[in-house]
């Protein structure tokens, strides 16, 4: 799957400042409008901006939030209509999972990952509680509306140094058998999601989300590398979140909180440009940090939430990588090609 390259300082020296500002603005707006899930607004704004490179890209800045709103509303409607018929709902979810993975493997287009994330979020929340699903839907719609305004504004105030448009090049996964591999990935994700439907509850949602991010990569080496990186990123983000919460508990003022969030995001965003790990590690850590900080300010115990998130990420990522690799070894003829250094 296509992964955005490391941002270059010569192209966009204000990249880290823009991301940190987006997180602070998103959090402040979420508090002011009393969003039902305040962590979504800053995380969504930062996530959309973090994938942009070089000059302002209206397709991502405007099309991204609109696509998110459309997908969230569509899937919440599907879940609401089919929840009384679990077999129909599970069949529809399975079809969407397989189709999304096929799109990713066949074309390399990351839009398939958006479909997967929304599918898992809406179905798991809806199977547990329609009211909780509608709350999440509303939070994502609010977050998308805020991103539609915040991202263009920040690019206008903190423009990149280059005016060159970045061109994304999508390539299909090597090794062929895209349909068969998509069926395997869709089946593994559906299996993990069924576990959330029937055995545990929506608080373990990160189990399937971690699996989604792992299985978008085509080779065994990339599957396990992504599992390691996701776990490390969650540890990094969780550690920074605990540090910020600890300082905030000593001086509990909103201005202090926003300043600490800005500094934490600034550090991780700058590491995206010059860190020793791939940029996605720091982007994942940034999202985890925001979610854990805001969660701790509402209902969660910070340490317990961090341990739970790390555990679920590790279990979901490793189990997805192991099951996918095992099934592909059994069902896909030949050895899948190893990842080249340029693919990560």
Protein backbone atom coordinates (compact mmCIF):
# COMPACT_ATOMS: atom_id res chain seq x y z
CA UNK A 1 0.00 0.00 0.00
CA UNK A 2 1.12 3.56 -0.66
CA UNK A 3 2.76 5.21 2.34
CA UNK A 4 3.59 8.92 2.30
CA UNK A 5 7.37 9.53 2.28
CA UNK A 6 9.17 11.35 5.04
CA UNK A 7 8.39 15.11 4.94
CA UNK A 8 11.40 17.21 3.95
CA UNK A 9 12.39 20.29 5.89
CA UNK A 10 13.46 22.15 2.75
CA UNK A 11 9.96 21.66 1.29
CA UNK A 12 7.98 22.43 4.43
CA UNK A 13 9.98 23.80 7.40
CA UNK A 14 6.75 24.60 9.29
CA UNK A 15 5.36 21.06 8.97
CA UNK A 16 5.77 20.24 12.68
CA UNK A 17 4.42 23.60 13.85
CA UNK A 18 1.37 23.20 11.62
CA UNK A 19 0.58 19.73 12.95
CA UNK A 20 1.02 20.80 16.56
CA UNK A 21 -1.17 23.86 15.97
CA UNK A 22 -3.84 21.67 14.36
CA UNK A 23 -3.90 19.40 17.40
CA UNK A 24 -4.29 22.32 19.79
CA UNK A 25 -6.98 24.01 17.70
CA UNK A 26 -8.87 20.73 17.31
CA UNK A 27 -8.76 20.05 21.05
CA UNK A 28 -9.82 23.60 21.91
CA UNK A 29 -12.75 23.51 19.47
CA UNK A 30 -13.82 20.09 20.78
CA UNK A 31 -13.89 21.48 24.32
CA UNK A 32 -15.80 24.60 23.27
CA UNK A 33 -18.49 22.73 21.32
CA UNK A 34 -18.60 19.96 23.96
CA UNK A 35 -17.99 17.21 21.44
CA UNK A 36 -19.24 13.79 22.63
CA UNK A 37 -15.82 12.30 21.81
CA UNK A 38 -13.34 15.18 22.03
CA UNK A 39 -10.28 13.12 21.09
CA UNK A 40 -11.60 12.61 17.54
CA UNK A 41 -11.47 16.25 16.43
CA UNK A 42 -7.73 16.88 17.05
CA UNK A 43 -6.75 13.37 15.96
CA UNK A 44 -8.67 13.65 12.68
CA UNK A 45 -7.26 17.09 11.87
CA UNK A 46 -3.71 15.95 12.56
CA UNK A 47 -4.18 12.65 10.71
CA UNK A 48 -5.36 14.37 7.54
CA UNK A 49 -2.56 16.96 7.60
CA UNK A 50 0.13 14.42 8.44
CA UNK A 51 -0.40 12.67 5.11
CA UNK A 52 0.07 15.85 3.06
CA UNK A 53 3.42 16.72 1.52
CA UNK A 54 4.83 19.84 -0.14
CA UNK A 55 2.24 22.42 -1.29
CA UNK A 56 -1.35 22.65 -0.08
CA UNK A 57 -3.45 19.86 -1.58
CA UNK A 58 -7.13 20.80 -1.78
CA UNK A 59 -8.03 17.23 -2.72
CA UNK A 60 -6.80 15.96 0.64
CA UNK A 61 -7.67 19.00 2.73
CA UNK A 62 -11.23 19.29 1.45
CA UNK A 63 -11.95 15.93 -0.15
CA UNK A 64 -10.61 13.99 2.83
CA UNK A 65 -13.03 15.36 5.45
CA UNK A 66 -15.95 15.17 3.01
CA UNK A 67 -15.14 11.52 2.21
CA UNK A 68 -14.90 10.76 5.92
CA UNK A 69 -18.30 12.31 6.61
CA UNK A 70 -19.91 10.49 3.70
CA UNK A 71 -18.45 7.11 4.72
CA UNK A 72 -19.37 7.54 8.39
CA UNK A 73 -22.97 8.48 7.60
CA UNK A 74 -23.33 5.69 5.02
CA UNK A 75 -22.04 2.95 7.31
CA UNK A 76 -24.00 4.16 10.31
CA UNK A 77 -27.12 3.93 8.13
CA UNK A 78 -26.20 0.42 6.96
CA UNK A 79 -25.61 -0.76 10.54
CA UNK A 80 -28.83 0.81 11.79
CA UNK A 81 -30.87 -0.89 9.06
CA UNK A 82 -29.28 -4.33 9.30
CA UNK A 83 -28.57 -4.65 13.04
CA UNK A 84 -31.83 -6.58 13.62
CA UNK A 85 -30.52 -9.10 11.03
CA UNK A 86 -27.02 -10.03 12.27
CA UNK A 87 -26.31 -12.48 9.43
CA UNK A 88 -27.03 -9.79 6.84
CA UNK A 89 -24.90 -7.23 8.71
CA UNK A 90 -21.96 -9.62 9.05
CA UNK A 91 -22.20 -10.54 5.35
CA UNK A 92 -22.19 -6.88 4.30
CA UNK A 93 -19.25 -6.10 6.60
CA UNK A 94 -17.33 -9.07 5.21
CA UNK A 95 -17.95 -7.97 1.62
CA UNK A 96 -16.74 -4.44 2.36
CA UNK A 97 -13.62 -5.74 4.14
CA UNK A 98 -12.65 -8.02 1.26
CA UNK A 99 -13.40 -5.36 -1.36
CA UNK A 100 -11.34 -2.74 0.51
CA UNK A 101 -8.34 -5.04 0.85
CA UNK A 102 -8.64 -5.99 -2.82
CA UNK A 103 -8.60 -2.30 -3.75
CA UNK A 104 -5.47 -1.75 -1.67
CA UNK A 105 -3.64 -4.79 -3.04
CA UNK A 106 -4.75 -4.31 -6.63
CA UNK A 107 -4.09 -0.56 -6.91
CA UNK A 108 -2.15 0.54 -3.82
CA UNK A 109 -4.75 3.26 -3.19
CA UNK A 110 -5.02 4.05 0.56
CA UNK A 111 -8.71 5.01 0.26
CA UNK A 112 -9.38 1.34 0.99
CA UNK A 113 -8.00 1.86 4.50
CA UNK A 114 -10.61 4.55 5.15
CA UNK A 115 -13.33 2.05 4.19
CA UNK A 116 -11.85 -0.54 6.54
CA UNK A 117 -11.55 1.82 9.52
CA UNK A 118 -15.08 3.14 9.12
CA UNK A 119 -16.46 -0.37 8.64
CA UNK A 120 -14.89 -1.64 11.85
CA UNK A 121 -15.75 1.45 13.90
CA UNK A 122 -19.40 1.66 12.93
CA UNK A 123 -20.12 -2.07 13.02
CA UNK A 124 -18.48 -2.71 16.40
CA UNK A 125 -20.06 0.33 18.03
CA UNK A 126 -23.43 -0.40 16.43
CA UNK A 127 -23.48 -4.04 17.52
CA UNK A 128 -22.86 -2.93 21.10
CA UNK A 129 -25.11 0.12 21.15
CA UNK A 130 -26.85 2.13 18.44
CA UNK A 131 -26.68 5.19 20.69
CA UNK A 132 -22.90 4.83 21.06
CA UNK A 133 -22.55 4.44 17.29
CA UNK A 134 -24.58 7.59 16.68
CA UNK A 135 -22.46 9.45 19.21
CA UNK A 136 -19.31 8.39 17.36
CA UNK A 137 -20.90 9.31 14.03
CA UNK A 138 -21.73 12.79 15.30
CA UNK A 139 -18.20 13.22 16.69
CA UNK A 140 -16.66 12.29 13.34
CA UNK A 141 -18.98 14.65 11.47
CA UNK A 142 -18.05 17.46 13.85
CA UNK A 143 -14.37 16.61 13.51
CA UNK A 144 -14.58 16.56 9.72
CA UNK A 145 -16.33 19.94 9.66
CA UNK A 146 -13.65 21.38 11.93
CA UNK A 147 -10.90 19.92 9.71
CA UNK A 148 -12.49 21.49 6.63
CA UNK A 149 -11.90 24.91 8.17
CA UNK A 150 -8.74 24.31 10.23
CA UNK A 151 -6.51 22.70 7.61
CA UNK A 152 -6.84 25.37 4.87
CA UNK A 153 -6.51 28.08 7.53
CA UNK A 154 -3.28 26.63 8.92
CA UNK A 155 -1.83 26.22 5.43
CA UNK A 156 -2.67 29.86 4.73
CA UNK A 157 -1.06 31.06 7.98
CA UNK A 158 1.88 28.60 7.92
CA UNK A 159 2.51 27.89 4.22
CA UNK A 160 5.10 25.39 2.93
CA UNK A 161 8.31 26.73 1.41
CA UNK A 162 7.64 25.03 -1.92
CA UNK A 163 4.77 25.61 -4.29
CA UNK A 164 5.30 22.26 -6.00
CA UNK A 165 2.39 19.85 -5.85
CA UNK A 166 3.22 16.41 -4.52
CA UNK A 167 2.26 13.55 -6.83
CA UNK A 168 1.33 10.27 -5.17
CA UNK A 169 2.27 7.16 -7.10
CA UNK A 170 0.17 4.07 -6.34
CA UNK A 171 1.48 0.64 -7.24
CA UNK A 172 -0.26 -2.74 -6.98
CA UNK A 173 1.13 -5.27 -4.53
CA UNK A 174 3.70 -7.58 -6.06
CA UNK A 175 3.13 -11.31 -6.05
CA UNK A 176 -0.29 -11.48 -7.70
CA UNK A 177 -3.25 -13.44 -6.29
CA UNK A 178 -4.79 -10.17 -5.12
CA UNK A 179 -8.28 -11.63 -4.84
CA UNK A 180 -7.17 -14.60 -2.78
CA UNK A 181 -5.03 -12.47 -0.49
CA UNK A 182 -7.87 -9.98 -0.05
CA UNK A 183 -10.18 -12.85 0.97
CA UNK A 184 -7.64 -13.97 3.57
CA UNK A 185 -7.23 -10.47 5.00
CA UNK A 186 -10.95 -9.79 4.97
CA UNK A 187 -11.60 -13.11 6.70
CA UNK A 188 -9.02 -12.46 9.42
CA UNK A 189 -10.39 -8.98 10.07
CA UNK A 190 -13.95 -10.30 10.17
CA UNK A 191 -12.87 -13.00 12.64
CA UNK A 192 -11.34 -10.40 14.98
CA UNK A 193 -14.39 -8.18 14.58
CA UNK A 194 -16.73 -11.08 15.41
CA UNK A 195 -14.73 -11.53 18.61
CA UNK A 196 -15.58 -7.93 19.47
CA UNK A 197 -19.23 -8.51 18.56
CA UNK A 198 -19.70 -11.57 20.74
CA UNK A 199 -17.07 -11.94 23.47
CA UNK A 200 -15.68 -8.54 24.45
CA UNK A 201 -17.15 -5.06 24.07
CA UNK A 202 -16.38 -1.84 22.20
CA UNK A 203 -13.72 -0.86 24.75
CA UNK A 204 -11.43 -3.36 22.97
CA UNK A 205 -11.97 -1.71 19.59
CA UNK A 206 -8.22 -1.10 19.17
CA UNK A 207 -7.83 -4.86 18.67
CA UNK A 208 -9.38 -4.68 15.20
CA UNK A 209 -8.05 -1.21 14.37
CA UNK A 210 -4.48 -2.41 14.89
CA UNK A 211 -5.20 -5.40 12.65
CA UNK A 212 -6.50 -3.11 9.89
CA UNK A 213 -3.26 -1.13 9.76
CA UNK A 214 -1.11 -4.26 9.75
CA UNK A 215 -2.93 -6.16 7.01
CA UNK A 216 -2.85 -3.35 4.44
CA UNK A 217 0.77 -4.32 3.77
CA UNK A 218 1.35 -7.12 1.26
CA UNK A 219 4.40 -9.12 2.40
CA UNK A 220 5.12 -11.16 5.50
CA UNK A 221 8.11 -9.01 6.35
CA UNK A 222 6.03 -5.85 6.18
CA UNK A 223 3.21 -7.41 8.21
CA UNK A 224 5.44 -8.15 11.18
CA UNK A 225 7.43 -4.93 10.80
CA UNK A 226 4.18 -2.97 10.96
CA UNK A 227 3.10 -4.93 14.04
CA UNK A 228 6.36 -4.00 15.79
CA UNK A 229 6.11 -0.37 14.74
CA UNK A 230 2.48 -0.02 15.85
CA UNK A 231 3.33 -1.43 19.27
CA UNK A 232 6.38 0.81 19.67
CA UNK A 233 4.39 3.85 18.53
CA UNK A 234 1.69 3.13 21.12
CA UNK A 235 4.33 2.82 23.85
CA UNK A 236 5.92 6.09 22.75
CA UNK A 237 2.62 7.94 22.55
CA UNK A 238 1.46 6.46 25.85
CA UNK A 239 4.67 7.47 27.61
CA UNK A 240 4.38 11.05 26.41
CA UNK A 241 0.68 11.11 27.37
CA UNK A 242 1.48 9.99 30.92
CA UNK A 243 4.21 12.63 31.17
CA UNK A 244 1.85 15.39 30.01
CA UNK A 245 -0.96 14.22 32.32
CA UNK A 246 1.47 14.13 35.24
CA UNK A 247 2.60 17.72 34.63
CA UNK A 248 -0.99 18.85 34.07
CA UNK A 249 -2.10 17.30 37.36
CA UNK A 250 0.29 19.66 39.15
CA UNK A 251 -0.89 22.78 37.27
CA UNK A 252 -4.43 22.05 36.10
CA UNK A 253 -5.15 24.97 33.78
CA UNK A 254 -6.44 24.80 30.23
CA UNK A 255 -3.60 26.97 28.93
CA UNK A 256 -1.08 24.58 30.50
CA UNK A 257 -2.79 21.59 28.91
CA UNK A 258 -2.86 23.17 25.45
CA UNK A 259 0.80 24.19 25.78
CA UNK A 260 1.82 20.67 26.78
CA UNK A 261 -0.18 19.12 23.93
CA UNK A 262 1.46 21.57 21.52
CA UNK A 263 4.95 20.66 22.73
CA UNK A 264 4.25 16.92 22.63
CA UNK A 265 2.85 17.12 19.10
CA UNK A 266 5.69 19.39 18.03
CA UNK A 267 8.24 16.83 19.22
CA UNK A 268 6.58 13.89 17.45
CA UNK A 269 5.90 15.86 14.25
CA UNK A 270 9.53 16.99 14.11
CA UNK A 271 10.59 13.36 14.51
CA UNK A 272 8.49 12.55 11.45
CA UNK A 273 10.96 14.71 9.53
CA UNK A 274 14.22 13.64 11.14
CA UNK A 275 13.59 10.66 13.46
CA UNK A 276 15.39 7.33 13.31
CA UNK A 277 12.13 5.42 12.80
CA UNK A 278 9.76 5.61 9.79
CA UNK A 279 7.51 8.70 9.88
CA UNK A 280 4.34 6.65 10.37
CA UNK A 281 5.66 5.49 13.76
CA UNK A 282 5.63 9.06 15.05
CA UNK A 283 2.28 9.77 13.40
CA UNK A 284 0.74 6.75 15.16
CA UNK A 285 2.37 7.83 18.43
CA UNK A 286 0.88 11.30 18.00
CA UNK A 287 -2.62 9.89 17.56
CA UNK A 288 -2.20 7.59 20.56
CA UNK A 289 -0.91 10.45 22.70
CA UNK A 290 -3.90 12.67 21.87
CA UNK A 291 -6.42 9.88 22.49
CA UNK A 292 -4.92 8.93 25.85
CA UNK A 293 -4.59 12.52 27.08
CA UNK A 294 -8.17 13.44 26.24
CA UNK A 295 -9.43 10.09 27.52
CA UNK A 296 -7.70 10.66 30.84
CA UNK A 297 -9.40 14.04 31.15
CA UNK A 298 -12.84 12.47 30.76
CA UNK A 299 -13.36 9.00 32.21
CA UNK A 300 -10.23 6.90 31.85
CA UNK A 301 -7.47 6.20 34.34
CA UNK A 302 -4.29 7.23 32.46
CA UNK A 303 -2.06 4.30 33.37
CA UNK A 304 -4.79 1.70 32.92
CA UNK A 305 -5.79 3.21 29.56
CA UNK A 306 -2.18 3.18 28.35
CA UNK A 307 -1.61 -0.43 29.38
CA UNK A 308 -4.92 -1.48 27.78
CA UNK A 309 -4.16 0.32 24.51
CA UNK A 310 -0.65 -1.14 24.27
CA UNK A 311 -1.95 -4.64 25.07
CA UNK A 312 -4.78 -4.48 22.52
CA UNK A 313 -2.47 -3.06 19.86
CA UNK A 314 0.07 -5.81 20.44
CA UNK A 315 -2.53 -8.59 20.44
CA UNK A 316 -4.39 -7.26 17.41
CA UNK A 317 -1.29 -6.50 15.36
CA UNK A 318 0.58 -9.74 16.11
CA UNK A 319 -2.46 -12.00 15.73
CA UNK A 320 -3.37 -10.37 12.41
CA UNK A 321 0.19 -10.68 11.10
CA UNK A 322 0.50 -14.31 12.25
CA UNK A 323 -2.87 -15.46 10.92
CA UNK A 324 -2.44 -13.69 7.60
CA UNK A 325 1.07 -15.07 7.09
CA UNK A 326 -0.03 -18.58 8.03
CA UNK A 327 -3.05 -18.60 5.72
CA UNK A 328 -1.09 -17.12 2.83
CA UNK A 329 1.62 -19.74 3.29
CA UNK A 330 -1.07 -22.44 3.09
CA UNK A 331 -3.36 -20.98 0.42
CA UNK A 332 -1.28 -18.72 -1.82
CA UNK A 333 1.06 -20.58 -4.20
CA UNK A 334 4.73 -19.63 -4.08
CA UNK A 335 6.66 -17.41 -1.74
CA UNK A 336 5.50 -13.79 -1.54
CA UNK A 337 8.29 -11.36 -2.43
CA UNK A 338 10.26 -9.69 0.30
CA UNK A 339 9.83 -6.00 0.91
CA UNK A 340 12.45 -3.74 -0.62
CA UNK A 341 13.91 -0.97 1.58
CA UNK A 342 12.16 1.67 -0.50
CA UNK A 343 8.69 0.36 0.39
CA UNK A 344 8.82 1.41 4.04
